[in-house]
Amino acid sequence: MMPLDPELLKDSSIKGMKKVYASSNSDSAKPPSFQIVVYAIQRILRPTFIYCQIPDILSLLVDIEMMRQRLVKIAQRLSRTRLDKKERVAVDTILQEDKDCRKTLRSIVNSLASLDIHTILRDAAMRNKTDRAPRVVDESIMLYFGKPFGEQPHPPQTLHEWACWYHFHENLTDEEAVDLCRTAEKITELTIDVAAYVQDRKTYAENIGMSEKEATFDACFPLTTDPNDLTELVDWYLESVEVMVNCLSD
């Protein structure tokens, strides 16, 4: 494996750097280690959330969630065997974390999808690239919310498409599907409102009680998800999965 760029290690803790360094020297034929994937996610979230890399976060979260689900399946099998006290505690910890971890992941990926589309719409409006926005937004909506709209996505061709298939189309519970539908409805409303804003900003501003000067994109369409809150949620999820990983590796 190629050595990591030293610039990536700036402002990192010594402990974190050691973990990344150790992982970077592992067998490159194997899937990326847990620590490498976590480190990559954290570098996108900090020191400032890089919105344009949301597709990368979604792809990296696939690696984490697949690892977590494998741990849960192993723990379920082990729970039916004879375990000593320490082993039983480890297995029970993994199984107890399962439901909350899954629920948190679903909240994270739905928020990331919404934030990504919001970012695309904002970029188009700010740069006056309104001719390109509908196509890009439609493509993103189908990737993230095709299932609620009854659309059958084409077979994934890219890493991002595969991540979207995994998070938004595959193996959703009924409750998760309902939550995804709610998110899709909000995004549809946002897209319609932004289209009206771009088409006639003055009229849109008047309709919401603002002057045209006051009606900036950010004033009219504030983020519904605080990036700092989302970062903390991702941190909680990653820390919870790390606890599960350590249960079977200690």
Protein backbone atom coordinates (compact mmCIF):
# COMPACT_ATOMS: atom_id res chain seq x y z
CA MET A 1 0.00 0.00 0.00
CA MET A 2 1.25 3.50 -0.78
CA PRO A 3 2.28 5.55 2.28
CA LEU A 4 -0.21 8.12 3.52
CA ASP A 5 0.33 11.76 2.66
CA PRO A 6 1.83 13.42 5.78
CA GLU A 7 -0.53 16.37 5.22
CA LEU A 8 -3.43 14.12 6.15
CA LEU A 9 -1.96 13.65 9.60
CA LYS A 10 -1.89 17.33 10.50
CA ASP A 11 -3.78 18.18 13.70
CA SER A 12 -4.37 14.48 14.40
CA SER A 13 -3.84 12.95 17.81
CA ILE A 14 -0.74 10.81 18.32
CA LYS A 15 -2.98 7.85 19.14
CA GLY A 16 -4.95 8.29 15.94
CA MET A 17 -1.81 8.67 13.87
CA LYS A 18 -0.37 5.44 15.26
CA LYS A 19 -3.54 3.52 14.44
CA VAL A 20 -3.60 4.85 10.90
CA TYR A 21 0.10 4.16 10.39
CA ALA A 22 -0.26 0.60 11.67
CA SER A 23 -3.24 -0.03 9.41
CA SER A 24 -1.52 1.48 6.38
CA ASN A 25 1.21 -1.13 6.66
CA SER A 26 -1.21 -4.07 6.68
CA ASP A 27 -1.78 -6.44 3.78
CA SER A 28 -3.02 -4.27 0.90
CA ALA A 29 -4.90 -7.23 -0.62
CA LYS A 30 -7.35 -7.18 2.28
CA PRO A 31 -10.29 -4.76 2.62
CA PRO A 32 -9.42 -1.45 4.33
CA SER A 33 -9.21 -1.78 8.10
CA PHE A 34 -11.79 -0.25 10.42
CA GLN A 35 -9.36 2.45 11.56
CA ILE A 36 -8.48 3.50 8.00
CA VAL A 37 -12.16 3.89 7.06
CA VAL A 38 -12.96 5.80 10.26
CA TYR A 39 -9.98 8.09 9.69
CA ALA A 40 -11.10 8.82 6.12
CA ILE A 41 -14.60 9.74 7.31
CA GLN A 42 -13.28 11.99 10.06
CA ARG A 43 -11.02 13.88 7.67
CA ILE A 44 -14.08 14.74 5.55
CA LEU A 45 -16.04 15.91 8.60
CA ARG A 46 -13.24 17.89 10.24
CA PRO A 47 -12.06 20.56 10.64
CA THR A 48 -14.83 21.71 8.28
CA PHE A 49 -17.53 19.48 6.79
CA ILE A 50 -16.68 19.03 3.09
CA TYR A 51 -20.15 18.84 1.55
CA CYS A 52 -18.94 17.84 -1.91
CA GLN A 53 -17.56 14.62 -0.40
CA ILE A 54 -20.89 13.39 0.95
CA PRO A 55 -20.89 10.61 -1.71
CA ASP A 56 -17.54 9.48 -0.30
CA ILE A 57 -18.91 9.39 3.26
CA LEU A 58 -21.85 7.27 2.09
CA SER A 59 -19.47 4.85 0.39
CA LEU A 60 -17.23 4.61 3.45
CA LEU A 61 -20.24 4.04 5.71
CA VAL A 62 -21.09 0.98 3.62
CA ASP A 63 -17.78 -0.56 4.70
CA ILE A 64 -18.47 0.25 8.35
CA GLU A 65 -22.06 -1.02 8.33
CA MET A 66 -21.22 -4.25 6.52
CA MET A 67 -18.49 -4.86 9.09
CA ARG A 68 -20.92 -4.12 11.91
CA GLN A 69 -23.58 -6.45 10.55
CA ARG A 70 -21.02 -9.25 10.21
CA LEU A 71 -20.10 -8.75 13.87
CA VAL A 72 -23.77 -8.94 14.86
CA LYS A 73 -24.23 -12.21 12.95
CA ILE A 74 -21.13 -13.67 14.59
CA ALA A 75 -22.37 -12.57 18.01
CA GLN A 76 -25.79 -14.13 17.36
CA ARG A 77 -24.15 -17.46 16.55
CA LEU A 78 -21.83 -17.25 19.55
CA SER A 79 -24.75 -16.45 21.87
CA ARG A 80 -26.07 -19.97 21.29
CA THR A 81 -22.81 -21.58 22.41
CA ARG A 82 -21.17 -22.08 25.78
CA LEU A 83 -19.32 -18.92 26.69
CA ASP A 84 -17.35 -17.89 29.73
CA LYS A 85 -18.33 -14.74 31.62
CA LYS A 86 -16.03 -12.40 29.69
CA GLU A 87 -17.13 -13.81 26.33
CA ARG A 88 -20.80 -13.51 27.30
CA VAL A 89 -20.35 -9.83 28.20
CA ALA A 90 -18.67 -9.17 24.85
CA VAL A 91 -21.40 -10.91 22.87
CA ASP A 92 -24.19 -9.23 24.84
CA THR A 93 -22.58 -5.81 24.29
CA ILE A 94 -22.59 -6.31 20.52
CA LEU A 95 -26.21 -7.47 20.45
CA GLN A 96 -27.37 -4.64 22.71
CA GLU A 97 -25.69 -2.02 20.50
CA ASP A 98 -27.26 -3.40 17.31
CA LYS A 99 -30.66 -1.69 17.27
CA ASP A 100 -29.42 1.78 18.28
CA CYS A 101 -26.53 1.61 15.81
CA ARG A 102 -28.81 0.72 12.94
CA LYS A 103 -31.32 3.44 13.83
CA THR A 104 -28.52 6.01 14.05
CA LEU A 105 -27.07 4.96 10.70
CA ARG A 106 -30.45 5.40 9.03
CA SER A 107 -30.75 8.91 10.45
CA ILE A 108 -27.22 9.69 9.24
CA VAL A 109 -27.65 8.49 5.65
CA ASN A 110 -31.05 10.16 5.23
CA SER A 111 -29.57 13.42 6.49
CA LEU A 112 -26.53 13.08 4.22
CA ALA A 113 -28.77 12.51 1.19
CA SER A 114 -30.85 15.58 2.02
CA LEU A 115 -27.74 17.68 2.62
CA ASP A 116 -26.20 16.56 -0.67
CA ILE A 117 -29.25 17.60 -2.70
CA HIS A 118 -29.51 20.87 -0.78
CA THR A 119 -25.84 21.53 -1.64
CA ILE A 120 -26.42 20.79 -5.34
CA LEU A 121 -29.42 23.13 -5.44
CA ARG A 122 -27.55 25.89 -3.63
CA ASP A 123 -24.52 25.59 -5.90
CA ALA A 124 -26.71 25.79 -9.00
CA ALA A 125 -28.65 28.80 -7.72
CA MET A 126 -25.55 30.68 -6.57
CA ARG A 127 -23.70 30.08 -9.84
CA ASN A 128 -26.79 30.56 -12.03
CA LYS A 129 -26.30 27.08 -13.46
CA THR A 130 -30.01 26.51 -13.45
CA ASP A 131 -29.92 24.64 -16.75
CA ARG A 132 -27.74 21.94 -15.22
CA ALA A 133 -29.47 21.71 -11.85
CA PRO A 134 -32.62 19.79 -12.88
CA ARG A 135 -30.62 16.95 -14.46
CA VAL A 136 -28.20 16.63 -11.54
CA VAL A 137 -30.97 16.87 -8.95
CA ASP A 138 -33.13 14.33 -10.77
CA GLU A 139 -30.21 11.90 -10.91
CA SER A 140 -29.48 12.36 -7.20
CA ILE A 141 -33.13 12.02 -6.21
CA MET A 142 -33.38 8.74 -8.12
CA LEU A 143 -30.22 7.46 -6.45
CA TYR A 144 -31.37 8.38 -2.96
CA PHE A 145 -35.14 8.24 -3.15
CA GLY A 146 -36.00 6.13 -6.18
CA LYS A 147 -37.51 3.44 -3.96
CA PRO A 148 -40.20 5.69 -2.38
CA PHE A 149 -41.11 6.95 -5.86
CA GLY A 150 -41.43 3.40 -7.18
CA GLU A 151 -38.49 3.78 -9.55
CA GLN A 152 -36.26 0.80 -10.25
CA PRO A 153 -32.65 2.04 -10.37
CA HIS A 154 -30.32 0.72 -13.02
CA PRO A 155 -27.61 -1.72 -11.83
CA PRO A 156 -24.93 0.20 -9.89
CA GLN A 157 -21.93 1.14 -12.03
CA THR A 158 -19.93 3.36 -9.68
CA LEU A 159 -18.93 3.20 -6.02
CA HIS A 160 -21.41 5.97 -5.19
CA GLU A 161 -24.25 4.21 -7.02
CA TRP A 162 -23.47 1.00 -5.15
CA ALA A 163 -23.47 2.88 -1.83
CA CYS A 164 -26.87 4.41 -2.68
CA TRP A 165 -28.24 0.99 -3.59
CA TYR A 166 -27.01 -0.40 -0.29
CA HIS A 167 -28.29 2.45 1.90
CA PHE A 168 -31.53 3.40 0.16
CA HIS A 169 -32.80 0.37 -1.76
CA GLU A 170 -31.54 -2.85 -0.19
CA ASN A 171 -32.86 -4.63 2.91
CA LEU A 172 -34.86 -1.77 4.40
CA THR A 173 -37.32 -2.59 7.17
CA ASP A 174 -40.86 -1.25 6.88
CA GLU A 175 -40.05 1.46 9.43
CA GLU A 176 -36.89 2.47 7.56
CA ALA A 177 -38.81 2.64 4.29
CA VAL A 178 -41.40 4.95 5.89
CA ASP A 179 -38.66 7.24 7.21
CA LEU A 180 -37.09 7.33 3.75
CA CYS A 181 -40.46 8.29 2.25
CA ARG A 182 -40.78 11.18 4.70
CA THR A 183 -37.33 12.43 3.75
CA ALA A 184 -38.18 12.09 0.04
CA GLU A 185 -41.33 14.18 0.51
CA LYS A 186 -39.35 16.99 2.16
CA ILE A 187 -36.75 16.93 -0.61
CA THR A 188 -39.48 17.09 -3.25
CA GLU A 189 -40.96 20.17 -1.58
CA LEU A 190 -37.51 21.77 -1.38
CA THR A 191 -36.84 21.11 -5.05
CA ILE A 192 -40.17 22.65 -6.10
CA ASP A 193 -39.60 25.72 -3.92
CA VAL A 194 -36.06 26.25 -5.21
CA ALA A 195 -37.31 26.00 -8.80
CA ALA A 196 -39.87 28.74 -8.06
CA TYR A 197 -37.16 30.83 -6.38
CA VAL A 198 -34.80 30.54 -9.33
CA GLN A 199 -37.54 31.26 -11.87
CA ASP A 200 -38.78 34.45 -10.18
CA ARG A 201 -36.87 35.45 -7.08
CA LYS A 202 -38.78 38.71 -6.58
CA THR A 203 -42.19 37.05 -6.57
CA TYR A 204 -40.96 34.21 -4.37
CA ALA A 205 -39.56 36.73 -1.88
CA GLU A 206 -42.85 38.63 -1.78
CA ASN A 207 -44.77 35.41 -1.16
CA ILE A 208 -42.69 34.64 1.94
CA GLY A 209 -42.65 38.22 3.23
CA MET A 210 -39.09 39.19 2.26
CA SER A 211 -37.59 41.84 0.06
CA GLU A 212 -35.71 40.63 -3.00
CA LYS A 213 -32.45 41.75 -1.39
CA GLU A 214 -33.17 39.81 1.80
CA ALA A 215 -34.16 36.69 -0.12
CA THR A 216 -30.76 35.06 -0.43
CA PHE A 217 -30.72 31.32 -0.97
CA ASP A 218 -29.54 30.67 2.58
CA ALA A 219 -32.23 32.93 4.03
CA CYS A 220 -34.98 31.23 2.04
CA PHE A 221 -33.68 27.68 2.37
CA PRO A 222 -31.74 27.23 5.61
CA LEU A 223 -30.21 23.84 6.30
CA THR A 224 -32.62 21.55 8.13
CA THR A 225 -29.71 19.50 9.47
CA ASP A 226 -27.00 21.18 11.52
CA PRO A 227 -23.64 19.91 10.16
CA ASN A 228 -22.19 19.93 13.69
CA ASP A 229 -25.05 17.80 15.00
CA LEU A 230 -24.64 15.43 12.06
CA THR A 231 -20.90 15.17 12.73
CA GLU A 232 -21.61 14.29 16.37
CA LEU A 233 -24.10 11.65 15.26
CA VAL A 234 -21.52 10.09 12.93
CA ASP A 235 -18.99 10.16 15.78
CA TRP A 236 -21.43 8.34 18.06
CA TYR A 237 -22.10 5.69 15.43
CA LEU A 238 -18.40 5.12 14.72
CA GLU A 239 -17.55 4.96 18.42
CA SER A 240 -20.35 2.44 19.00
CA VAL A 241 -19.10 0.25 16.15
CA GLU A 242 -15.57 0.51 17.52
CA VAL A 243 -16.83 -0.83 20.85
CA MET A 244 -18.32 -3.78 18.99
CA VAL A 245 -15.11 -4.37 17.03
CA ASN A 246 -13.04 -4.29 20.22
CA CYS A 247 -15.36 -6.79 21.90
CA LEU A 248 -14.26 -9.52 19.50
CA SER A 249 -10.68 -8.38 19.01
CA ASP A 250 -9.55 -7.93 22.62
